[in-house]
Amino acid sequence: MLNIALPKGRLGDKIYSLFSDVGLGCPSMNEDNRKLIFESSEKEIRYLLVKPSDVAIYVEHGAADIGVVGRDILLETKPDVYELLDLKIGKCSLAVAAKNGWIDDGGSLRVATKYPNVAQSYFSSQNRQIEIIKLNGSIELAPILGLSDVIFDIVETGTTLRENDLSVITTVIHSSARLIANKSRYQFKSAFIDNICRELEQRI
């Protein structure tokens, strides 16, 4: 069996559809249930549905052979995996945003983010002193309530920013879904995995 870790949610549905289009569908995936593991003995594949931020952990530690994860998460966590293919879906950006009308005085910044490592790296490259405020959700609230000067977060359509009177100051990194592989499992299953990569690349 080839174990494939997919992120739960909308992105996972799009990715599964892509895999299904190249002949890796699993009929039980279409059933209305709360199962987290689906397998097809005929195609020798097993899908694991996990939290998006955990996909790389499952792959790095060998619980999954391959998986799909956003580039933003790869940059933040730096897992020891192979990055095989840009699937060109789930496109978004990591950006700095602030309240409309905010003026940068050039001093130290308070930055609210779910991505402390990427944020620190970016602002260090700009020679800016920052204080990281690590949050796990509703990042947009931080500047509104005076908790931070700016936020460093994922921007997809920008709707949430606009509705909360915020706007992007700088787009830092573009992200999309990436196919990754466990390094040791790849050595043993490279033919199977490489064939999947070729099929997906043609489909993309």
Protein backbone atom coordinates (compact mmCIF):
# COMPACT_ATOMS: atom_id res chain seq x y z
CA MET A 1 0.00 0.00 0.00
CA LEU A 2 1.09 3.56 -0.76
CA ASN A 3 -0.07 5.79 2.10
CA ILE A 4 -1.12 9.27 0.94
CA ALA A 5 -1.78 12.04 3.49
CA LEU A 6 -4.33 14.60 2.32
CA PRO A 7 -5.40 17.76 4.17
CA LYS A 8 -8.99 17.78 5.40
CA GLY A 9 -11.34 20.38 3.97
CA ARG A 10 -11.85 22.18 0.67
CA LEU A 11 -8.23 21.95 -0.46
CA GLY A 12 -8.15 18.23 0.32
CA ASP A 13 -11.28 17.73 -1.80
CA LYS A 14 -9.62 19.49 -4.75
CA ILE A 15 -6.46 17.45 -4.35
CA TYR A 16 -8.36 14.17 -4.11
CA SER A 17 -10.23 15.11 -7.29
CA LEU A 18 -6.88 15.61 -9.02
CA PHE A 19 -5.62 12.21 -7.83
CA SER A 20 -8.91 10.61 -8.90
CA ASP A 21 -8.55 12.14 -12.37
CA VAL A 22 -5.25 10.28 -12.87
CA GLY A 23 -6.79 6.94 -11.91
CA LEU A 24 -6.16 6.95 -8.16
CA GLY A 25 -9.76 7.24 -7.04
CA CYS A 26 -11.03 5.36 -4.01
CA PRO A 27 -14.83 4.71 -4.10
CA SER A 28 -15.25 4.81 -0.31
CA MET A 29 -13.99 8.42 -0.31
CA ASN A 30 -17.33 9.45 -1.81
CA GLU A 31 -19.37 7.97 1.04
CA ASP A 32 -20.93 10.30 3.61
CA ASN A 33 -19.07 9.30 6.76
CA ARG A 34 -16.47 10.52 9.26
CA LYS A 35 -13.78 7.98 8.45
CA LEU A 36 -10.19 9.20 8.27
CA ILE A 37 -8.66 6.25 6.40
CA PHE A 38 -9.80 5.05 2.97
CA GLU A 39 -8.12 2.35 0.92
CA SER A 40 -8.30 0.62 -2.42
CA SER A 41 -6.61 -2.79 -2.39
CA GLU A 42 -7.04 -2.93 -6.17
CA LYS A 43 -4.94 0.22 -6.69
CA GLU A 44 -2.72 -0.40 -3.65
CA ILE A 45 -3.34 3.03 -2.18
CA ARG A 46 -4.54 4.27 1.19
CA TYR A 47 -5.67 7.85 1.84
CA LEU A 48 -5.25 9.41 5.27
CA LEU A 49 -7.21 12.59 6.04
CA VAL A 50 -5.34 14.80 8.49
CA LYS A 51 -5.23 18.41 9.67
CA PRO A 52 -3.47 20.49 6.96
CA SER A 53 -0.68 21.61 9.29
CA ASP A 54 0.01 17.96 10.25
CA VAL A 55 0.47 16.49 6.75
CA ALA A 56 4.23 17.13 6.69
CA ILE A 57 4.61 15.55 10.15
CA TYR A 58 2.90 12.33 9.02
CA VAL A 59 5.13 12.21 5.94
CA GLU A 60 8.37 13.13 7.69
CA HIS A 61 7.87 10.40 10.32
CA GLY A 62 6.84 7.73 7.80
CA ALA A 63 3.17 7.32 8.75
CA ALA A 64 2.49 8.42 5.17
CA ASP A 65 4.69 7.80 2.13
CA ILE A 66 3.60 10.95 0.31
CA GLY A 67 1.33 13.87 1.09
CA VAL A 68 0.15 17.26 -0.05
CA VAL A 69 0.90 20.39 1.95
CA GLY A 70 1.04 24.14 1.36
CA ARG A 71 4.40 25.75 0.66
CA ASP A 72 3.68 28.15 3.53
CA ILE A 73 3.71 25.24 6.01
CA LEU A 74 6.90 23.81 4.49
CA LEU A 75 8.66 27.14 4.90
CA GLU A 76 7.46 27.56 8.48
CA THR A 77 8.20 24.03 9.77
CA LYS A 78 11.07 22.94 7.45
CA PRO A 79 10.29 19.19 7.58
CA ASP A 80 12.95 16.73 6.40
CA VAL A 81 11.08 15.56 3.27
CA TYR A 82 11.45 15.61 -0.49
CA GLU A 83 9.39 18.26 -2.31
CA LEU A 84 8.40 16.57 -5.56
CA LEU A 85 5.85 18.69 -7.40
CA ASP A 86 3.97 21.99 -7.36
CA LEU A 87 0.32 21.01 -7.89
CA LYS A 88 -0.58 24.65 -8.70
CA ILE A 89 -3.76 24.61 -6.63
CA GLY A 90 -4.54 26.21 -3.29
CA LYS A 91 -2.74 29.33 -4.46
CA CYS A 92 -2.34 32.12 -1.90
CA SER A 93 0.27 34.51 -0.55
CA LEU A 94 1.99 35.22 2.73
CA ALA A 95 1.72 38.96 3.23
CA VAL A 96 2.12 41.81 5.69
CA ALA A 97 -1.14 43.69 6.29
CA ALA A 98 -2.25 46.55 8.52
CA LYS A 99 -5.26 48.74 9.28
CA ASN A 100 -6.10 51.19 6.53
CA GLY A 101 -4.41 54.47 7.31
CA TRP A 102 -1.65 52.93 9.45
CA ILE A 103 1.66 54.76 9.09
CA ASP A 104 4.98 52.94 9.50
CA ASP A 105 7.29 55.06 11.67
CA GLY A 106 10.28 52.83 10.89
CA GLY A 107 10.63 51.65 14.50
CA SER A 108 10.14 48.27 16.13
CA LEU A 109 7.03 46.41 14.98
CA ARG A 110 4.61 44.17 16.84
CA VAL A 111 3.69 41.41 14.39
CA ALA A 112 0.77 39.01 14.94
CA THR A 113 1.13 35.77 13.00
CA LYS A 114 0.67 32.02 12.75
CA TYR A 115 4.04 31.91 10.95
CA PRO A 116 6.65 33.16 13.46
CA ASN A 117 9.65 31.58 11.72
CA VAL A 118 8.87 32.90 8.24
CA ALA A 119 7.91 36.31 9.67
CA GLN A 120 11.14 36.55 11.67
CA SER A 121 13.20 35.59 8.62
CA TYR A 122 11.46 38.16 6.41
CA PHE A 123 11.73 41.09 8.81
CA SER A 124 15.34 40.21 9.65
CA SER A 125 16.11 40.46 5.93
CA GLN A 126 14.61 43.96 6.08
CA ASN A 127 16.72 44.84 9.16
CA ARG A 128 13.56 45.44 11.17
CA GLN A 129 13.29 44.82 14.90
CA ILE A 130 10.04 42.98 15.64
CA GLU A 131 8.10 41.47 18.50
CA ILE A 132 6.29 38.32 17.42
CA ILE A 133 2.80 37.76 18.83
CA LYS A 134 1.94 34.14 18.03
CA LEU A 135 -1.75 33.57 17.36
CA ASN A 136 -3.59 30.53 15.99
CA GLY A 137 -6.63 32.16 14.46
CA SER A 138 -8.55 35.40 13.78
CA ILE A 139 -5.24 37.16 13.15
CA GLU A 140 -7.10 40.16 11.68
CA LEU A 141 -8.38 41.11 15.14
CA ALA A 142 -4.88 41.89 16.46
CA PRO A 143 -4.31 45.29 14.80
CA ILE A 144 -7.97 46.27 15.23
CA LEU A 145 -7.71 45.82 19.00
CA GLY A 146 -4.21 47.31 19.24
CA LEU A 147 -2.54 43.99 20.03
CA SER A 148 -0.18 44.37 17.06
CA ASP A 149 0.90 46.96 14.50
CA VAL A 150 0.69 44.58 11.55
CA ILE A 151 -0.17 40.98 10.76
CA PHE A 152 1.79 38.44 8.74
CA ASP A 153 -0.67 35.94 7.34
CA ILE A 154 -2.06 33.98 4.42
CA VAL A 155 -4.06 36.02 1.92
CA GLU A 156 -6.19 34.21 -0.63
CA THR A 157 -8.83 36.61 -1.97
CA GLY A 158 -8.32 39.51 0.44
CA THR A 159 -12.03 39.56 1.35
CA THR A 160 -11.48 39.06 5.10
CA LEU A 161 -8.95 41.90 5.13
CA ARG A 162 -11.28 44.29 3.32
CA GLU A 163 -14.23 43.45 5.54
CA ASN A 164 -12.11 44.27 8.60
CA ASP A 165 -10.69 47.55 7.25
CA LEU A 166 -7.23 46.08 6.61
CA SER A 167 -5.11 45.98 3.47
CA VAL A 168 -1.93 44.31 2.25
CA ILE A 169 1.25 46.36 2.62
CA THR A 170 3.70 43.84 1.17
CA THR A 171 3.29 40.44 -0.47
CA VAL A 172 6.22 38.34 0.74
CA ILE A 173 5.87 34.79 -0.59
CA HIS A 174 3.54 33.00 -3.01
CA SER A 175 2.31 29.60 -1.89
CA SER A 176 0.51 26.62 -3.42
CA ALA A 177 -0.02 22.93 -2.67
CA ARG A 178 3.11 20.77 -2.95
CA LEU A 179 3.48 16.99 -3.25
CA ILE A 180 6.05 15.77 -0.72
CA ALA A 181 7.56 12.36 0.05
CA ASN A 182 9.18 10.63 3.00
CA LYS A 183 12.88 10.31 2.12
CA SER A 184 13.38 6.66 3.06
CA ARG A 185 10.00 5.46 1.74
CA TYR A 186 10.71 7.20 -1.55
CA GLN A 187 13.81 5.02 -2.05
CA PHE A 188 11.68 1.86 -1.79
CA LYS A 189 8.65 3.08 -3.71
CA SER A 190 10.25 5.49 -6.18
CA ALA A 191 8.82 3.78 -9.29
CA PHE A 192 5.26 4.01 -7.98
CA ILE A 193 5.69 7.58 -6.71
CA ASP A 194 7.50 8.82 -9.84
CA ASN A 195 4.71 7.41 -12.00
CA ILE A 196 2.14 9.33 -9.92
CA CYS A 197 4.22 12.50 -10.32
CA ARG A 198 4.31 12.09 -14.10
CA GLU A 199 0.56 11.50 -14.28
CA LEU A 200 -0.18 14.51 -12.07
CA GLU A 201 2.22 16.74 -13.99
CA GLN A 202 0.52 15.87 -17.28
CA ARG A 203 -2.88 16.54 -15.73
CA ILE A 204 -1.75 19.91 -14.31
